[in-house]
Amino acid sequence: MSNTVIRVENVSKQYQLGKIGTGSFSHDINRWLHRVRGKEDPYIKVGETNDRTTKGSSDFVWSLRDVSFDVQKGEALGIMGRNGAGKSTLLKILSRTTSPTLGKISIKGRVASLLEVGTGFHPELTGRENIFLNGAILGMTKKEILRKFDEIVDFAGVERYIDTPVKRYSSGMYVRLAFGVAAHLEPEILIVDEVLAVGDLEFQRKALGKMEQVSEGEGRTVLFVSHNLDSLARLCKKGVLLDQGKLLYSGSISEALNRYTLVKQTEEFYINNDSNPEKDVFIREITLLDKGGNRKNTFFHDEEIVVKLNLVLNRNVEEYSIFLMVLDKTKSRVFPTEHKLKSAVDTYELVINPNFLVRGSYSLHVIIHKPRKVQIDVAEDVCGFEIVDNNSPLNIHNKYDYGNVFGNCYWK
């Protein structure tokens, strides 16, 4: 017997801009006439890629286009992509909130989904009543819900407010209870969108731990959308990468994350278009690259980082040096490095070795100066970048802050 619990086959979803539903009455009549004649939808052949940064000529856009993949029982699948890639649309189709325009999905088992704050909750009902309502929707008996009730309330930490209408809950309380219900009422498939980011750090740790337990310990299937690459790397074994509604990759989570960091091109680079002939030398551009020369701002902890600096030389530079500091998320200095300039050389590369920076957010502070005499050009707090822990020995500590660098030392 096949272990496939979700099968997505050539799924596409088309929307009409500026309209509610399918569009106008004339469009509906046109669709009906084509359908009774045995012809395909006349609007399927039109439509553009869902690129929000450009103005198109068509009123129809494809939020998803020909997406196919399978999910096996007990797998934790990470779904990733930039904003507008089609992630939420895909989850809504899998949750049967909406239907695909083309293609089909097959799902075996009960599905619990948490796509936005308060999914499936009635604002006028109390927390207690909403727990029983959601359980009933999932097909559970009152006895089964009662067995899990105390565990849900304890996990959500809302015992004091359990008999208060949820419309009076904060967004954090709302999502804690909603996730507690979705995760504890034993669905075969749990679908969670980026909504967990609403919760505080403690709750995010608990939620991630619960999803690990659901997937690995209880053998249930989890679909997880997040922009937190550390969480995806920790929880998931498989990954799906979407870009502008198209499936770019489906396979191992490490390769999906690697490809995502390439797709996630950044504008977090420094460029100075203000040429200044009065300065002997100044910084024209600073760019972050991977080992293959691809510009990006998200790296794995075991990946080489190349900082490329392009300078403009107006006069002799033998007395000058580049002084570069890496800053952490608090803008504290992680480490400095300095390099003396050479005449007629306007491009320099600094290589930050793999397994040096731990996960977190960083930026650069670059100075061109005559040491102990004068600063001639400064690029302050530029080129923000992220380090993702690709399963280092310290990754077991989850979100705890364990510094900025891996110690180059040994135990004996």
Protein backbone atom coordinates (compact mmCIF):
# COMPACT_ATOMS: atom_id res chain seq x y z
CA MET A 1 0.00 0.00 0.00
CA SER A 2 1.30 3.45 -0.92
CA ASN A 3 2.46 5.76 1.88
CA THR A 4 1.59 8.84 -0.17
CA VAL A 5 -0.92 10.94 1.80
CA ILE A 6 -0.88 14.08 -0.38
CA ARG A 7 -0.59 14.13 -4.14
CA VAL A 8 -0.58 17.44 -6.01
CA GLU A 9 -0.93 16.98 -9.77
CA ASN A 10 -0.44 19.89 -12.20
CA VAL A 11 -2.24 22.31 -9.91
CA SER A 12 -2.78 25.86 -11.18
CA LYS A 13 -4.72 28.73 -9.67
CA GLN A 14 -5.78 31.80 -11.62
CA TYR A 15 -7.14 35.04 -10.20
CA GLN A 16 -8.63 38.09 -11.86
CA LEU A 17 -7.24 41.36 -10.60
CA GLY A 18 -9.60 43.88 -9.10
CA LYS A 19 -12.54 41.47 -9.06
CA ILE A 20 -14.41 39.36 -6.53
CA GLY A 21 -15.16 35.77 -7.52
CA THR A 22 -14.73 34.84 -11.17
CA GLY A 23 -15.16 38.36 -12.51
CA SER A 24 -18.15 39.71 -14.42
CA PHE A 25 -21.48 38.12 -15.31
CA SER A 26 -20.45 38.03 -18.97
CA HIS A 27 -17.34 36.02 -18.03
CA ASP A 28 -19.47 33.53 -16.12
CA ILE A 29 -21.84 33.12 -19.11
CA ASN A 30 -18.88 32.71 -21.46
CA ARG A 31 -17.35 30.03 -19.21
CA TRP A 32 -20.72 28.19 -19.00
CA LEU A 33 -21.20 28.23 -22.79
CA HIS A 34 -17.73 26.79 -23.36
CA ARG A 35 -18.31 24.13 -20.69
CA VAL A 36 -21.63 22.88 -22.15
CA ARG A 37 -19.99 22.70 -25.58
CA GLY A 38 -17.20 20.56 -24.16
CA LYS A 39 -14.56 23.24 -24.63
CA GLU A 40 -11.97 24.48 -22.14
CA ASP A 41 -12.29 27.66 -20.10
CA PRO A 42 -11.58 30.57 -22.52
CA TYR A 43 -9.69 32.47 -19.83
CA ILE A 44 -7.23 29.67 -19.12
CA LYS A 45 -5.10 30.68 -22.09
CA VAL A 46 -4.68 34.22 -20.82
CA GLY A 47 -2.95 35.42 -17.73
CA GLU A 48 0.50 36.44 -16.62
CA THR A 49 3.03 35.37 -14.05
CA ASN A 50 2.30 36.77 -10.60
CA ASP A 51 5.12 39.32 -10.52
CA ARG A 52 3.93 42.09 -8.22
CA THR A 53 6.83 44.41 -9.06
CA THR A 54 5.80 44.98 -12.68
CA LYS A 55 2.61 46.27 -14.29
CA GLY A 56 1.20 43.73 -16.75
CA SER A 57 -1.22 43.99 -19.63
CA SER A 58 -3.62 41.24 -18.50
CA ASP A 59 -6.24 41.29 -15.74
CA PHE A 60 -5.60 37.57 -15.10
CA VAL A 61 -2.64 36.30 -13.11
CA TRP A 62 -1.48 32.79 -12.23
CA SER A 63 -0.85 32.48 -8.51
CA LEU A 64 0.18 28.85 -9.13
CA ARG A 65 1.15 27.22 -12.41
CA ASP A 66 1.55 23.46 -13.01
CA VAL A 67 2.70 22.52 -9.50
CA SER A 68 3.17 18.79 -8.81
CA PHE A 69 4.67 16.91 -5.85
CA ASP A 70 3.92 14.08 -3.40
CA VAL A 71 4.08 13.98 0.39
CA GLN A 72 4.62 10.72 2.24
CA LYS A 73 3.08 9.72 5.56
CA GLY A 74 5.05 11.09 8.52
CA GLU A 75 7.05 13.56 6.45
CA ALA A 76 7.65 17.14 7.52
CA LEU A 77 7.61 19.21 4.35
CA GLY A 78 8.91 22.77 4.29
CA ILE A 79 7.33 25.08 1.72
CA MET A 80 9.43 28.14 0.95
CA GLY A 81 9.63 31.06 -1.43
CA ARG A 82 9.57 34.82 -1.47
CA ASN A 83 6.43 36.83 -0.73
CA GLY A 84 4.01 36.30 -3.60
CA ALA A 85 5.53 32.96 -4.61
CA GLY A 86 2.20 31.14 -4.13
CA LYS A 87 2.83 29.43 -0.76
CA SER A 88 -0.37 30.58 0.95
CA THR A 89 -2.45 29.86 -2.15
CA LEU A 90 -1.08 26.32 -2.21
CA LEU A 91 -1.94 25.79 1.47
CA LYS A 92 -5.46 27.15 0.95
CA ILE A 93 -5.96 24.63 -1.85
CA LEU A 94 -4.61 21.79 0.31
CA SER A 95 -6.87 22.93 3.18
CA ARG A 96 -9.79 23.01 0.72
CA THR A 97 -10.42 26.67 1.50
CA THR A 98 -10.34 27.26 -2.25
CA SER A 99 -10.20 24.99 -5.27
CA PRO A 100 -7.61 24.86 -8.05
CA THR A 101 -8.37 26.30 -11.46
CA LEU A 102 -6.62 23.35 -13.10
CA GLY A 103 -5.20 20.07 -11.83
CA LYS A 104 -6.21 18.04 -8.81
CA ILE A 105 -5.15 17.13 -5.29
CA SER A 106 -5.60 13.85 -3.42
CA ILE A 107 -5.45 13.75 0.38
CA LYS A 108 -5.73 10.78 2.73
CA GLY A 109 -6.64 11.63 6.32
CA ARG A 110 -8.01 14.44 8.45
CA VAL A 111 -6.45 17.86 7.86
CA ALA A 112 -6.00 20.54 10.52
CA SER A 113 -4.77 23.86 9.21
CA LEU A 114 -3.55 27.10 10.77
CA LEU A 115 -3.29 29.59 7.93
CA GLU A 116 -3.97 32.85 9.75
CA VAL A 117 -4.70 34.05 13.26
CA GLY A 118 -7.98 32.55 14.42
CA THR A 119 -8.45 30.07 11.59
CA GLY A 120 -11.68 28.17 12.27
CA PHE A 121 -12.52 30.14 15.41
CA HIS A 122 -15.81 31.92 15.99
CA PRO A 123 -15.09 35.26 17.69
CA GLU A 124 -18.27 35.23 19.78
CA LEU A 125 -17.57 31.79 21.27
CA THR A 126 -15.29 31.22 24.24
CA GLY A 127 -11.97 29.46 24.02
CA ARG A 128 -13.56 26.34 25.53
CA GLU A 129 -16.41 26.35 22.99
CA ASN A 130 -14.01 26.87 20.09
CA ILE A 131 -11.93 23.87 21.15
CA PHE A 132 -15.01 21.65 20.99
CA LEU A 133 -16.16 23.27 17.74
CA ASN A 134 -12.83 22.62 16.03
CA GLY A 135 -12.69 19.08 17.34
CA ALA A 136 -16.17 18.40 15.96
CA ILE A 137 -15.13 19.81 12.57
CA LEU A 138 -12.21 17.35 12.59
CA GLY A 139 -14.65 14.51 13.25
CA MET A 140 -13.66 13.84 16.84
CA THR A 141 -16.06 12.73 19.54
CA LYS A 142 -16.71 14.74 22.69
CA LYS A 143 -14.88 12.09 24.71
CA GLU A 144 -11.77 12.39 22.52
CA ILE A 145 -11.78 16.18 22.83
CA LEU A 146 -12.17 16.02 26.62
CA ARG A 147 -9.17 13.70 26.80
CA LYS A 148 -7.01 16.35 25.10
CA PHE A 149 -8.65 19.44 26.58
CA ASP A 150 -6.36 20.06 29.56
CA GLU A 151 -3.26 19.45 27.44
CA ILE A 152 -4.42 22.04 24.87
CA VAL A 153 -5.16 24.69 27.51
CA ASP A 154 -1.84 24.08 29.27
CA PHE A 155 0.08 24.31 26.00
CA ALA A 156 -1.68 27.56 25.01
CA GLY A 157 -1.24 29.12 28.46
CA VAL A 158 -4.72 30.71 28.40
CA GLU A 159 -6.38 28.89 31.32
CA ARG A 160 -7.50 32.14 32.94
CA TYR A 161 -9.30 33.21 29.76
CA ILE A 162 -10.64 29.87 28.56
CA ASP A 163 -14.27 30.91 29.24
CA THR A 164 -13.85 34.36 27.68
CA PRO A 165 -14.98 35.02 24.06
CA VAL A 166 -11.94 34.80 21.82
CA LYS A 167 -12.72 38.17 20.24
CA ARG A 168 -11.21 39.63 23.43
CA TYR A 169 -7.96 37.67 23.04
CA SER A 170 -4.76 39.32 21.90
CA SER A 171 -3.34 38.06 18.59
CA GLY A 172 -0.71 36.11 20.56
CA MET A 173 -3.33 34.37 22.73
CA TYR A 174 -5.43 33.69 19.65
CA VAL A 175 -2.61 31.95 17.78
CA ARG A 176 -1.44 30.01 20.86
CA LEU A 177 -4.87 28.49 21.35
CA ALA A 178 -5.45 27.96 17.62
CA PHE A 179 -2.14 26.12 17.24
CA GLY A 180 -2.78 24.12 20.41
CA VAL A 181 -6.11 22.94 18.99
CA ALA A 182 -4.68 22.16 15.53
CA ALA A 183 -1.68 20.25 16.90
CA HIS A 184 -3.32 18.30 19.75
CA LEU A 185 -6.58 17.09 18.24
CA GLU A 186 -4.74 14.35 16.35
CA PRO A 187 -5.19 15.21 12.67
CA GLU A 188 -3.31 12.96 10.26
CA ILE A 189 -2.06 16.08 8.43
CA LEU A 190 -1.12 19.38 10.07
CA ILE A 191 -0.74 22.48 7.86
CA VAL A 192 0.87 25.56 9.41
CA ASP A 193 1.55 28.89 7.70
CA GLU A 194 3.85 31.72 8.83
CA VAL A 195 1.20 32.64 11.45
CA LEU A 196 3.45 31.28 14.25
CA ALA A 197 5.57 34.41 13.89
CA VAL A 198 2.80 36.24 15.80
CA GLY A 199 3.74 34.37 18.96
CA ASP A 200 6.60 35.21 21.29
CA LEU A 201 9.96 33.41 21.29
CA GLU A 202 8.92 30.92 23.99
CA PHE A 203 5.79 29.96 22.07
CA GLN A 204 7.69 29.60 18.78
CA ARG A 205 10.07 27.16 20.49
CA LYS A 206 7.15 25.18 21.95
CA ALA A 207 5.32 25.14 18.61
CA LEU A 208 8.37 23.94 16.71
CA GLY A 209 8.99 21.24 19.33
CA LYS A 210 5.37 20.12 19.11
CA MET A 211 5.56 19.87 15.31
CA GLU A 212 8.72 17.77 15.66
CA GLN A 213 6.88 15.50 18.09
CA VAL A 214 3.87 15.25 15.77
CA SER A 215 6.04 14.36 12.77
CA GLU A 216 8.81 12.20 14.20
CA GLY A 217 7.24 10.83 17.37
CA GLU A 218 3.66 10.28 16.24
CA GLY A 219 4.23 9.66 12.52
CA ARG A 220 1.84 12.34 11.34
CA THR A 221 2.43 14.60 8.34
CA VAL A 222 3.35 18.28 8.70
CA LEU A 223 3.37 20.98 6.02
CA PHE A 224 5.17 24.06 7.25
CA VAL A 225 5.56 27.48 5.61
CA SER A 226 8.09 29.84 7.14
CA HIS A 227 10.65 32.48 6.25
CA ASN A 228 12.71 31.31 9.22
CA LEU A 229 15.26 29.11 7.48
CA ASP A 230 16.65 27.77 10.78
CA SER A 231 13.21 26.43 11.70
CA LEU A 232 12.78 24.82 8.28
CA ALA A 233 16.23 23.22 8.48
CA ARG A 234 15.53 21.86 11.96
CA LEU A 235 12.00 20.54 11.44
CA CYS A 236 11.83 19.37 7.83
CA LYS A 237 13.51 16.63 5.84
CA LYS A 238 11.94 17.54 2.50
CA GLY A 239 11.37 20.94 0.90
CA VAL A 240 9.35 22.54 -1.87
CA LEU A 241 10.56 25.79 -3.42
CA LEU A 242 8.13 28.09 -5.25
CA ASP A 243 8.89 31.23 -7.23
CA GLN A 244 6.21 33.37 -8.90
CA GLY A 245 3.77 30.47 -8.74
CA LYS A 246 6.06 27.87 -10.33
CA LEU A 247 7.71 24.89 -8.70
CA LEU A 248 11.47 25.36 -8.83
CA TYR A 249 12.48 22.36 -6.73
CA SER A 250 11.07 19.48 -4.71
CA GLY A 251 13.42 17.26 -2.75
CA SER A 252 15.80 17.34 0.21
CA ILE A 253 15.46 20.28 2.59
CA SER A 254 19.16 21.16 2.41
CA GLU A 255 19.09 21.49 -1.37
CA ALA A 256 15.78 23.38 -1.24
CA LEU A 257 17.25 25.85 1.26
CA ASN A 258 20.39 26.20 -0.83
CA ARG A 259 18.37 27.01 -3.96
CA TYR A 260 16.16 29.39 -2.01
CA THR A 261 19.15 31.43 -0.89
CA LEU A 262 20.07 31.81 -4.57
CA VAL A 263 16.52 32.82 -5.55
CA LYS A 264 16.34 35.21 -2.62
CA GLN A 265 18.56 37.76 -4.34
CA THR A 266 19.11 40.82 -2.27
CA GLU A 267 19.28 44.54 -2.64
CA GLU A 268 21.22 44.64 0.61
CA PHE A 269 24.42 45.68 -1.13
CA TYR A 270 26.23 48.98 -1.00
CA ILE A 271 26.79 51.19 -4.03
CA ASN A 272 27.95 54.78 -4.12
CA ASN A 273 27.03 56.66 -7.29
CA ASP A 274 28.39 59.95 -6.02
CA SER A 275 31.83 60.08 -7.65
CA ASN A 276 34.12 62.38 -5.70
CA PRO A 277 37.30 63.52 -7.46
CA GLU A 278 38.39 65.34 -4.31
CA LYS A 279 39.03 62.02 -2.52
CA ASP A 280 42.19 60.07 -3.22
CA VAL A 281 40.16 56.86 -3.02
CA PHE A 282 36.58 55.95 -2.16
CA ILE A 283 34.29 52.93 -2.07
CA ARG A 284 32.23 52.39 -5.21
CA GLU A 285 30.50 49.09 -4.34
CA ILE A 286 30.42 46.31 -1.74
CA THR A 287 28.81 43.00 -2.67
CA LEU A 288 28.30 39.67 -0.87
CA LEU A 289 28.93 36.53 -2.93
CA ASP A 290 29.03 32.79 -2.41
CA LYS A 291 31.94 30.60 -3.50
CA GLY A 292 30.46 30.32 -7.01
CA GLY A 293 30.24 34.09 -7.44
CA ASN A 294 26.47 34.35 -6.94
CA ARG A 295 25.31 37.50 -5.16
CA LYS A 296 23.17 36.74 -2.10
CA ASN A 297 22.65 37.67 1.53
CA THR A 298 21.69 34.34 3.13
CA PHE A 299 24.40 31.76 3.81
CA PHE A 300 24.71 28.44 5.61
CA HIS A 301 27.08 28.38 8.58
CA ASP A 302 29.34 25.94 6.72
CA GLU A 303 29.42 28.04 3.55
CA GLU A 304 32.19 30.37 2.40
CA ILE A 305 31.27 34.07 2.24
CA VAL A 306 33.06 36.43 -0.14
CA VAL A 307 32.94 40.19 0.48
CA LYS A 308 33.86 41.96 -2.75
CA LEU A 309 34.91 45.62 -2.61
CA ASN A 310 35.26 47.84 -5.67
CA LEU A 311 37.14 51.11 -5.14
CA VAL A 312 37.68 54.22 -7.22
CA LEU A 313 41.31 55.35 -7.27
CA ASN A 314 41.91 59.02 -8.03
CA ARG A 315 45.49 59.31 -6.77
CA ASN A 316 48.22 57.27 -5.15
CA VAL A 317 46.81 54.96 -2.42
CA GLU A 318 49.92 53.37 -0.93
CA GLU A 319 49.30 55.03 2.46
CA TYR A 320 45.71 53.79 2.74
CA SER A 321 44.14 50.63 4.16
CA ILE A 322 40.74 48.95 4.17
CA PHE A 323 39.46 48.43 7.71
CA LEU A 324 36.40 46.11 7.79
CA MET A 325 34.29 45.06 10.77
CA VAL A 326 31.48 42.52 10.90
CA LEU A 327 28.63 43.68 13.16
CA ASP A 328 26.02 41.46 14.81
CA LYS A 329 22.27 42.16 15.14
CA THR A 330 22.90 44.49 18.10
CA LYS A 331 25.50 46.34 15.99
CA SER A 332 28.25 45.16 18.30
CA ARG A 333 31.59 44.37 16.66
CA VAL A 334 32.14 40.67 16.01
CA PHE A 335 35.61 40.87 14.48
CA PRO A 336 37.83 43.32 12.54
CA THR A 337 40.22 42.80 9.65
CA GLU A 338 42.51 45.19 7.79
CA HIS A 339 44.27 45.13 4.43
CA LYS A 340 46.76 47.58 2.92
CA LEU A 341 45.88 49.05 -0.50
CA LYS A 342 48.09 48.73 -3.55
CA SER A 343 48.49 51.15 -6.43
CA ALA A 344 46.43 50.36 -9.55
CA VAL A 345 44.40 47.68 -7.69
CA ASP A 346 40.75 48.70 -7.36
CA THR A 347 39.08 45.37 -6.46
CA TYR A 348 39.57 43.35 -3.29
CA GLU A 349 37.91 40.24 -1.90
CA LEU A 350 37.67 39.18 1.74
CA VAL A 351 36.88 35.49 2.30
CA ILE A 352 35.07 34.58 5.54
CA ASN A 353 35.75 30.91 6.15
CA PRO A 354 33.03 28.28 6.62
CA ASN A 355 32.13 27.26 10.18
CA PHE A 356 33.08 30.64 11.57
CA LEU A 357 29.92 32.73 12.07
CA VAL A 358 27.02 31.14 13.93
CA ARG A 359 23.41 31.69 12.87
CA GLY A 360 22.05 35.20 13.13
CA SER A 361 21.91 38.59 11.44
CA TYR A 362 25.05 40.51 10.53
CA SER A 363 26.19 43.57 8.60
CA LEU A 364 29.43 45.27 7.54
CA HIS A 365 31.21 48.47 8.55
CA VAL A 366 33.95 49.43 6.07
CA ILE A 367 36.44 52.29 6.38
CA ILE A 368 39.13 53.54 4.00
CA HIS A 369 41.74 55.35 6.07
CA LYS A 370 45.30 56.29 6.76
CA PRO A 371 45.85 54.35 10.00
CA ARG A 372 45.85 56.61 13.07
CA LYS A 373 45.67 59.70 10.81
CA VAL A 374 42.50 60.21 8.81
CA GLN A 375 39.36 58.43 7.54
CA ILE A 376 38.64 59.22 3.92
CA ASP A 377 35.52 57.10 3.22
CA VAL A 378 33.08 55.10 5.36
CA ALA A 379 30.28 52.62 4.53
CA GLU A 380 28.44 52.27 7.82
CA ASP A 381 26.23 49.25 8.72
CA VAL A 382 25.75 48.03 5.12
CA CYS A 383 25.22 44.69 3.34
CA GLY A 384 22.98 43.01 5.90
CA PHE A 385 23.16 39.22 5.70
CA GLU A 386 21.87 36.11 7.47
CA ILE A 387 23.66 32.97 8.61
CA VAL A 388 21.52 29.81 8.71
CA ASP A 389 22.63 26.86 10.85
CA ASN A 390 22.85 23.87 8.54
CA ASN A 391 22.66 21.33 11.38
CA SER A 392 25.83 22.17 13.31
CA PRO A 393 26.41 20.48 16.72
CA LEU A 394 25.10 23.64 18.42
CA ASN A 395 21.82 23.62 16.51
CA ILE A 396 20.24 21.44 19.22
CA HIS A 397 19.95 24.61 21.32
CA ASN A 398 17.25 25.92 18.97
CA LYS A 399 16.72 29.67 19.49
CA TYR A 400 19.06 30.18 22.44
CA ASP A 401 21.67 32.86 21.79
CA TYR A 402 25.04 31.13 21.80
CA GLY A 403 27.22 33.98 20.59
CA ASN A 404 28.51 34.99 17.19
CA VAL A 405 31.37 32.66 16.27
CA PHE A 406 32.24 28.99 16.54
CA GLY A 407 35.24 28.54 18.83
CA ASN A 408 38.40 27.41 17.04
CA CYS A 409 39.42 25.29 20.01
CA TYR A 410 39.34 21.69 21.19
CA TRP A 411 38.54 19.61 24.29
CA LYS A 412 40.91 17.13 25.91
